[in-house]
């Protein structure tokens, strides 16, 4: 079954492959089906096709669809404050915790 999806302004072809195929491994199939090269982003507001039998990771795709997640690595997210964490609590202050290190 073929499903359609509209390309958002901040999405590139890898975002679309992740969102529609469930993994980056579906990039080549996705690009071929939609007549674009793997290094070419579909035009904003264009409609892309996905053959559901070609989905490479149905679990991931189902998750994105059920949560209405649009994968978009080009979107800018503004975080007003840094985050810190202790054993079980994340709080907002002037420090940022990354892995096992604190950045002030």
C-alpha atoms as a PDB file:
ATOM      1  CA  UNK A   1       0.000   0.000   0.000  1.00  0.00           C
ATOM      2  CA  UNK A   2       1.321   3.448  -0.894  1.00  0.00           C
ATOM      3  CA  UNK A   3       1.070   6.215   1.687  1.00  0.00           C
ATOM      4  CA  UNK A   4       1.833   9.884   1.125  1.00  0.00           C
ATOM      5  CA  UNK A   5       3.515  12.497   3.300  1.00  0.00           C
ATOM      6  CA  UNK A   6       4.142  16.212   2.821  1.00  0.00           C
ATOM      7  CA  UNK A   7       7.713  17.535   3.170  1.00  0.00           C
ATOM      8  CA  UNK A   8       8.149  20.205   5.880  1.00  0.00           C
ATOM      9  CA  UNK A   9      10.475  23.174   5.468  1.00  0.00           C
ATOM     10  CA  UNK A  10      13.113  21.891   7.904  1.00  0.00           C
ATOM     11  CA  UNK A  11      13.284  18.304   6.622  1.00  0.00           C
ATOM     12  CA  UNK A  12      16.028  16.803   4.507  1.00  0.00           C
ATOM     13  CA  UNK A  13      16.066  13.461   2.728  1.00  0.00           C
ATOM     14  CA  UNK A  14      17.652  11.648   5.683  1.00  0.00           C
ATOM     15  CA  UNK A  15      14.939  13.006   8.005  1.00  0.00           C
ATOM     16  CA  UNK A  16      12.303  11.742   5.587  1.00  0.00           C
ATOM     17  CA  UNK A  17      13.924   8.318   5.291  1.00  0.00           C
ATOM     18  CA  UNK A  18      13.998   7.986   9.080  1.00  0.00           C
ATOM     19  CA  UNK A  19      10.407   9.162   9.426  1.00  0.00           C
ATOM     20  CA  UNK A  20       8.872   7.235   6.554  1.00  0.00           C
ATOM     21  CA  UNK A  21      11.086   4.154   6.303  1.00  0.00           C
ATOM     22  CA  UNK A  22      11.923   3.796  10.004  1.00  0.00           C
ATOM     23  CA  UNK A  23      15.694   3.853   9.495  1.00  0.00           C
ATOM     24  CA  UNK A  24      18.423   5.386   7.382  1.00  0.00           C
ATOM     25  CA  UNK A  25      18.842   1.991   5.697  1.00  0.00           C
ATOM     26  CA  UNK A  26      15.658   2.818   3.774  1.00  0.00           C
ATOM     27  CA  UNK A  27      17.211   5.942   2.223  1.00  0.00           C
ATOM     28  CA  UNK A  28      18.021   4.399  -1.163  1.00  0.00           C
ATOM     29  CA  UNK A  29      14.583   2.808  -1.598  1.00  0.00           C
ATOM     30  CA  UNK A  30      12.923   6.046  -0.468  1.00  0.00           C
ATOM     31  CA  UNK A  31      15.000   8.150  -2.887  1.00  0.00           C
ATOM     32  CA  UNK A  32      14.333   5.815  -5.832  1.00  0.00           C
ATOM     33  CA  UNK A  33      10.590   5.691  -5.188  1.00  0.00           C
ATOM     34  CA  UNK A  34      10.436   9.489  -5.091  1.00  0.00           C
ATOM     35  CA  UNK A  35      12.766  10.178  -8.021  1.00  0.00           C
ATOM     36  CA  UNK A  36      15.463  12.010  -6.078  1.00  0.00           C
ATOM     37  CA  UNK A  37      19.144  11.345  -5.519  1.00  0.00           C
ATOM     38  CA  UNK A  38      20.286  10.331  -2.029  1.00  0.00           C
ATOM     39  CA  UNK A  39      21.996  13.714  -1.692  1.00  0.00           C
ATOM     40  CA  UNK A  40      18.997  15.711  -2.971  1.00  0.00           C
ATOM     41  CA  UNK A  41      16.275  16.993  -0.671  1.00  0.00           C
ATOM     42  CA  UNK A  42      12.682  16.893  -1.918  1.00  0.00           C
ATOM     43  CA  UNK A  43      11.071  20.318  -2.333  1.00  0.00           C
ATOM     44  CA  UNK A  44       9.244  21.811   0.635  1.00  0.00           C
ATOM     45  CA  UNK A  45       5.490  21.080   0.540  1.00  0.00           C
ATOM     46  CA  UNK A  46       6.007  18.360  -2.062  1.00  0.00           C
ATOM     47  CA  UNK A  47       4.315  15.024  -1.465  1.00  0.00           C
ATOM     48  CA  UNK A  48       6.462  11.908  -1.157  1.00  0.00           C
ATOM     49  CA  UNK A  49       5.342   8.307  -1.542  1.00  0.00           C
ATOM     50  CA  UNK A  50       6.137   5.372   0.713  1.00  0.00           C
ATOM     51  CA  UNK A  51       5.383   1.781  -0.192  1.00  0.00           C
ATOM     52  CA  UNK A  52       4.590   0.275   3.205  1.00  0.00           C
ATOM     53  CA  UNK A  53       5.994  -3.117   2.183  1.00  0.00           C
ATOM     54  CA  UNK A  54       9.412  -1.457   1.699  1.00  0.00           C
ATOM     55  CA  UNK A  55       9.614   0.027   5.229  1.00  0.00           C
ATOM     56  CA  UNK A  56      12.939  -1.051   6.742  1.00  0.00           C
ATOM     57  CA  UNK A  57      12.028  -0.683  10.427  1.00  0.00           C
ATOM     58  CA  UNK A  58       8.306  -0.917  11.057  1.00  0.00           C
ATOM     59  CA  UNK A  59       8.679  -0.476  14.826  1.00  0.00           C
ATOM     60  CA  UNK A  60      10.356   2.921  14.433  1.00  0.00           C
ATOM     61  CA  UNK A  61       7.973   4.064  11.714  1.00  0.00           C
ATOM     62  CA  UNK A  62       4.955   3.045  13.773  1.00  0.00           C
ATOM     63  CA  UNK A  63       6.348   4.983  16.743  1.00  0.00           C
ATOM     64  CA  UNK A  64       6.817   8.161  14.668  1.00  0.00           C
ATOM     65  CA  UNK A  65       3.346   7.852  13.141  1.00  0.00           C
ATOM     66  CA  UNK A  66       1.540   7.035  16.405  1.00  0.00           C
ATOM     67  CA  UNK A  67       3.115  10.046  18.153  1.00  0.00           C
ATOM     68  CA  UNK A  68       2.725  12.264  15.049  1.00  0.00           C
ATOM     69  CA  UNK A  69       6.465  12.939  15.121  1.00  0.00           C
ATOM     70  CA  UNK A  70       7.911  14.717  12.091  1.00  0.00           C
ATOM     71  CA  UNK A  71      11.670  14.058  12.004  1.00  0.00           C
ATOM     72  CA  UNK A  72      13.408  17.368  11.368  1.00  0.00           C
ATOM     73  CA  UNK A  73      17.103  17.782  12.124  1.00  0.00           C
ATOM     74  CA  UNK A  74      17.102  21.249  10.542  1.00  0.00           C
ATOM     75  CA  UNK A  75      14.694  22.717  13.092  1.00  0.00           C
ATOM     76  CA  UNK A  76      16.204  25.163  15.570  1.00  0.00           C
ATOM     77  CA  UNK A  77      15.173  24.620  19.161  1.00  0.00           C
ATOM     78  CA  UNK A  78      15.778  27.430  21.618  1.00  0.00           C
ATOM     79  CA  UNK A  79      16.423  26.260  25.162  1.00  0.00           C
ATOM     80  CA  UNK A  80      16.107  29.173  27.590  1.00  0.00           C
ATOM     81  CA  UNK A  81      18.230  27.634  30.343  1.00  0.00           C
ATOM     82  CA  UNK A  82      20.706  24.813  30.712  1.00  0.00           C
ATOM     83  CA  UNK A  83      19.782  21.608  32.512  1.00  0.00           C
ATOM     84  CA  UNK A  84      21.451  19.846  35.427  1.00  0.00           C
ATOM     85  CA  UNK A  85      20.792  16.422  36.839  1.00  0.00           C
ATOM     86  CA  UNK A  86      21.509  14.474  39.973  1.00  0.00           C
ATOM     87  CA  UNK A  87      20.576  10.861  40.677  1.00  0.00           C
ATOM     88  CA  UNK A  88      16.924  11.119  39.647  1.00  0.00           C
ATOM     89  CA  UNK A  89      16.088  14.813  39.196  1.00  0.00           C
ATOM     90  CA  UNK A  90      16.660  17.232  36.346  1.00  0.00           C
ATOM     91  CA  UNK A  91      16.532  20.910  37.279  1.00  0.00           C
ATOM     92  CA  UNK A  92      17.068  24.130  35.355  1.00  0.00           C
ATOM     93  CA  UNK A  93      20.037  26.309  36.327  1.00  0.00           C
ATOM     94  CA  UNK A  94      23.294  27.597  34.840  1.00  0.00           C
ATOM     95  CA  UNK A  95      25.027  24.213  34.456  1.00  0.00           C
ATOM     96  CA  UNK A  96      24.646  21.616  31.732  1.00  0.00           C
ATOM     97  CA  UNK A  97      25.177  17.911  32.430  1.00  0.00           C
ATOM     98  CA  UNK A  98      26.515  15.887  29.506  1.00  0.00           C
ATOM     99  CA  UNK A  99      27.262  12.218  30.152  1.00  0.00           C
ATOM    100  CA  UNK A 100      29.313  12.214  33.354  1.00  0.00           C
ATOM    101  CA  UNK A 101      30.639  15.773  33.136  1.00  0.00           C
ATOM    102  CA  UNK A 102      29.244  19.121  34.270  1.00  0.00           C
ATOM    103  CA  UNK A 103      29.782  22.130  32.029  1.00  0.00           C
ATOM    104  CA  UNK A 104      29.509  25.536  33.725  1.00  0.00           C
END
